[in-house]
N, C-alpha and C. Protein backbone atom coordinates (compact mmCIF):
# COMPACT_ATOMS: atom_id res chain seq x y z
N MET A 1 0.84 -1.19 0.00
CA MET A 1 0.00 0.00 0.00
C MET A 1 0.89 1.25 0.00
N PRO A 2 0.65 2.16 -0.92
CA PRO A 2 1.50 3.37 -0.98
C PRO A 2 1.34 4.26 0.26
N ILE A 3 2.40 4.94 0.58
CA ILE A 3 2.40 5.94 1.64
C ILE A 3 2.21 7.29 0.97
N LYS A 4 1.33 8.12 1.53
CA LYS A 4 1.11 9.46 0.98
C LYS A 4 1.70 10.49 1.92
N ILE A 5 2.40 11.43 1.33
CA ILE A 5 3.06 12.50 2.08
C ILE A 5 2.76 13.81 1.37
N PHE A 6 2.41 14.83 2.14
CA PHE A 6 2.27 16.17 1.59
C PHE A 6 3.53 16.96 1.91
N LEU A 7 4.02 17.66 0.91
CA LEU A 7 5.19 18.53 1.08
C LEU A 7 4.75 19.98 0.99
N ALA A 8 5.15 20.76 1.95
CA ALA A 8 4.96 22.21 1.90
C ALA A 8 6.34 22.79 1.61
N ILE A 9 6.44 23.54 0.52
CA ILE A 9 7.75 23.96 0.00
C ILE A 9 7.85 25.47 -0.08
N LYS A 10 8.96 26.00 0.41
CA LYS A 10 9.29 27.42 0.25
C LYS A 10 10.31 27.53 -0.87
N THR A 11 10.11 28.54 -1.72
CA THR A 11 11.02 28.74 -2.85
C THR A 11 11.44 30.21 -2.95
N ARG A 12 12.45 30.43 -3.76
CA ARG A 12 12.73 31.81 -4.14
C ARG A 12 11.60 32.23 -5.07
N PRO A 13 11.04 33.44 -4.88
CA PRO A 13 9.84 33.86 -5.63
C PRO A 13 9.98 33.74 -7.15
N GLU A 14 11.12 34.03 -7.67
CA GLU A 14 11.29 34.02 -9.12
C GLU A 14 11.37 32.60 -9.70
N ARG A 15 11.42 31.59 -8.84
CA ARG A 15 11.58 30.21 -9.31
C ARG A 15 10.33 29.34 -9.08
N VAL A 16 9.29 29.90 -8.48
CA VAL A 16 8.17 29.08 -8.04
C VAL A 16 7.50 28.30 -9.18
N LYS A 17 7.23 28.93 -10.31
CA LYS A 17 6.58 28.22 -11.43
C LYS A 17 7.49 27.13 -12.00
N GLU A 18 8.75 27.45 -12.16
CA GLU A 18 9.72 26.49 -12.70
C GLU A 18 9.84 25.27 -11.77
N ILE A 19 9.88 25.52 -10.48
CA ILE A 19 10.02 24.42 -9.52
C ILE A 19 8.75 23.57 -9.51
N CYS A 20 7.59 24.17 -9.57
CA CYS A 20 6.35 23.42 -9.60
C CYS A 20 6.30 22.51 -10.83
N ARG A 21 6.70 23.03 -11.97
CA ARG A 21 6.74 22.22 -13.20
C ARG A 21 7.73 21.05 -13.05
N LYS A 22 8.89 21.33 -12.46
CA LYS A 22 9.91 20.31 -12.26
C LYS A 22 9.40 19.21 -11.33
N LEU A 23 8.72 19.60 -10.26
CA LEU A 23 8.18 18.62 -9.32
C LEU A 23 7.21 17.66 -10.00
N ARG A 24 6.37 18.19 -10.87
CA ARG A 24 5.35 17.37 -11.55
C ARG A 24 5.96 16.29 -12.44
N LYS A 25 7.22 16.42 -12.79
CA LYS A 25 7.88 15.43 -13.64
C LYS A 25 8.36 14.20 -12.87
N PHE A 26 8.47 14.29 -11.56
CA PHE A 26 8.90 13.15 -10.76
C PHE A 26 7.76 12.14 -10.65
N ARG A 27 8.06 10.87 -10.82
CA ARG A 27 7.00 9.84 -10.72
C ARG A 27 6.40 9.76 -9.33
N GLU A 28 7.14 10.16 -8.31
CA GLU A 28 6.64 10.13 -6.93
C GLU A 28 5.61 11.23 -6.65
N VAL A 29 5.61 12.28 -7.47
CA VAL A 29 4.72 13.42 -7.24
C VAL A 29 3.41 13.20 -8.01
N SER A 30 2.32 13.06 -7.25
CA SER A 30 1.02 12.86 -7.90
C SER A 30 0.33 14.19 -8.19
N GLU A 31 0.64 15.21 -7.39
CA GLU A 31 0.05 16.54 -7.58
C GLU A 31 1.03 17.59 -7.06
N ALA A 32 1.01 18.77 -7.65
CA ALA A 32 1.79 19.91 -7.16
C ALA A 32 1.06 21.19 -7.53
N TYR A 33 0.91 22.07 -6.53
CA TYR A 33 0.16 23.31 -6.72
C TYR A 33 0.90 24.49 -6.15
N ILE A 34 0.82 25.62 -6.82
CA ILE A 34 1.30 26.89 -6.28
C ILE A 34 0.19 27.41 -5.38
N VAL A 35 0.54 27.81 -4.16
CA VAL A 35 -0.45 28.31 -3.21
C VAL A 35 -0.10 29.74 -2.80
N THR A 36 -1.09 30.43 -2.25
CA THR A 36 -0.90 31.82 -1.84
C THR A 36 -1.31 32.02 -0.39
N LYS A 37 -1.01 33.19 0.12
CA LYS A 37 -1.47 33.62 1.45
C LYS A 37 -0.97 32.72 2.58
N GLY A 38 0.25 32.30 2.51
CA GLY A 38 0.81 31.49 3.59
C GLY A 38 2.32 31.53 3.55
N GLN A 39 2.91 30.75 4.39
CA GLN A 39 4.37 30.76 4.45
C GLN A 39 5.02 29.85 3.41
N TYR A 40 4.21 29.02 2.72
CA TYR A 40 4.75 28.13 1.70
C TYR A 40 4.29 28.55 0.32
N ASP A 41 5.05 28.17 -0.68
CA ASP A 41 4.77 28.55 -2.06
C ASP A 41 4.15 27.43 -2.88
N ILE A 42 4.49 26.19 -2.53
CA ILE A 42 4.01 25.02 -3.28
C ILE A 42 3.59 23.95 -2.28
N ILE A 43 2.50 23.27 -2.60
CA ILE A 43 2.09 22.07 -1.87
C ILE A 43 2.12 20.93 -2.89
N ALA A 44 2.79 19.85 -2.52
CA ALA A 44 2.89 18.69 -3.41
C ALA A 44 2.46 17.43 -2.67
N ALA A 45 1.78 16.55 -3.39
CA ALA A 45 1.40 15.24 -2.85
C ALA A 45 2.37 14.20 -3.41
N ILE A 46 2.91 13.41 -2.51
CA ILE A 46 3.92 12.40 -2.86
C ILE A 46 3.36 11.02 -2.54
N LYS A 47 3.58 10.06 -3.42
CA LYS A 47 3.22 8.68 -3.14
C LYS A 47 4.46 7.82 -3.32
N VAL A 48 4.79 7.06 -2.28
CA VAL A 48 5.94 6.15 -2.30
C VAL A 48 5.53 4.85 -1.62
N HIS A 49 6.35 3.82 -1.78
CA HIS A 49 6.02 2.52 -1.20
C HIS A 49 6.69 2.28 0.15
N SER A 50 7.58 3.18 0.56
CA SER A 50 8.21 3.02 1.88
C SER A 50 8.77 4.36 2.33
N LEU A 51 8.94 4.49 3.63
CA LEU A 51 9.56 5.71 4.16
C LEU A 51 11.02 5.82 3.75
N ASP A 52 11.69 4.69 3.58
CA ASP A 52 13.07 4.74 3.08
C ASP A 52 13.12 5.33 1.68
N ARG A 53 12.17 4.94 0.83
CA ARG A 53 12.12 5.49 -0.54
C ARG A 53 11.85 6.99 -0.49
N TYR A 54 10.99 7.42 0.42
CA TYR A 54 10.74 8.85 0.56
C TYR A 54 11.98 9.59 1.01
N ARG A 55 12.70 9.03 1.98
CA ARG A 55 13.92 9.67 2.47
C ARG A 55 14.91 9.88 1.33
N VAL A 56 15.11 8.86 0.53
CA VAL A 56 16.02 8.96 -0.61
C VAL A 56 15.52 10.01 -1.61
N PHE A 57 14.22 10.00 -1.89
CA PHE A 57 13.63 10.98 -2.81
C PHE A 57 13.82 12.40 -2.28
N ALA A 58 13.51 12.62 -1.00
CA ALA A 58 13.61 13.96 -0.41
C ALA A 58 15.05 14.47 -0.44
N ILE A 59 15.99 13.62 -0.11
CA ILE A 59 17.39 14.05 -0.07
C ILE A 59 17.95 14.24 -1.47
N ASN A 60 17.76 13.25 -2.33
CA ASN A 60 18.41 13.26 -3.64
C ASN A 60 17.69 14.07 -4.71
N GLN A 61 16.37 14.22 -4.60
CA GLN A 61 15.63 14.95 -5.62
C GLN A 61 15.20 16.33 -5.12
N ILE A 62 14.36 16.36 -4.10
CA ILE A 62 13.85 17.64 -3.58
C ILE A 62 14.99 18.50 -3.07
N GLY A 63 15.87 17.91 -2.30
CA GLY A 63 16.97 18.66 -1.70
C GLY A 63 17.96 19.23 -2.70
N ASN A 64 17.94 18.75 -3.93
CA ASN A 64 18.88 19.23 -4.94
C ASN A 64 18.25 20.17 -5.97
N ILE A 65 17.00 20.55 -5.78
CA ILE A 65 16.38 21.50 -6.71
C ILE A 65 16.79 22.91 -6.32
N ASP A 66 17.47 23.58 -7.23
CA ASP A 66 17.90 24.96 -6.99
C ASP A 66 16.68 25.86 -6.86
N GLY A 67 16.66 26.65 -5.82
CA GLY A 67 15.56 27.58 -5.61
C GLY A 67 14.63 27.17 -4.48
N ILE A 68 14.70 25.90 -4.06
CA ILE A 68 13.93 25.49 -2.88
C ILE A 68 14.74 25.92 -1.66
N THR A 69 14.11 26.71 -0.81
CA THR A 69 14.80 27.21 0.38
C THR A 69 14.48 26.41 1.63
N ASP A 70 13.34 25.71 1.63
CA ASP A 70 12.96 24.90 2.78
C ASP A 70 11.75 24.06 2.39
N PHE A 71 11.58 22.94 3.08
CA PHE A 71 10.35 22.16 2.90
C PHE A 71 10.06 21.38 4.17
N VAL A 72 8.77 21.10 4.35
CA VAL A 72 8.29 20.35 5.50
C VAL A 72 7.44 19.20 4.97
N SER A 73 7.61 18.03 5.57
CA SER A 73 6.87 16.84 5.17
C SER A 73 5.75 16.54 6.16
N PHE A 74 4.58 16.16 5.62
CA PHE A 74 3.44 15.76 6.43
C PHE A 74 3.00 14.38 6.00
N LEU A 75 3.26 13.39 6.82
CA LEU A 75 2.88 12.01 6.51
C LEU A 75 1.40 11.82 6.82
N VAL A 76 0.65 11.32 5.84
CA VAL A 76 -0.77 11.07 6.04
C VAL A 76 -0.91 9.83 6.92
N ALA A 77 -1.55 10.01 8.08
CA ALA A 77 -1.72 8.91 9.02
C ALA A 77 -3.01 8.14 8.76
N THR A 78 -4.09 8.87 8.49
CA THR A 78 -5.40 8.25 8.29
C THR A 78 -6.19 9.05 7.28
N PHE A 79 -6.88 8.34 6.41
CA PHE A 79 -7.79 8.98 5.47
C PHE A 79 -9.21 8.70 5.94
N ILE A 80 -9.99 9.74 6.11
CA ILE A 80 -11.36 9.59 6.55
C ILE A 80 -12.28 9.86 5.35
N ASP A 81 -13.05 8.85 4.97
CA ASP A 81 -13.98 9.07 3.87
C ASP A 81 -15.40 9.22 4.45
N ASP A 82 -16.38 9.36 3.59
CA ASP A 82 -17.75 9.58 4.04
C ASP A 82 -18.33 8.40 4.80
N ASP A 83 -17.78 7.22 4.58
CA ASP A 83 -18.29 6.00 5.23
C ASP A 83 -17.60 5.71 6.56
N SER A 84 -16.59 6.49 6.91
CA SER A 84 -15.83 6.21 8.15
C SER A 84 -16.51 6.76 9.37
């Protein structure tokens, strides 16, 4: 079962669109959006099969994108649907 993680990403303002486009090219990224009115610039949804795979992805891919100044990971613990 895949693990879902939301990433809140801060970027340099002039790079936000470019970084969002770059994120969408990674197979681990299911969604990426530019957001406003908060401390983060992009919210991305990540799907991986293990936390080890996420760690490698975060360090080797996200951590190496020029223009990302910070990011925070939110691991989805429980999904509540209408039937829950």
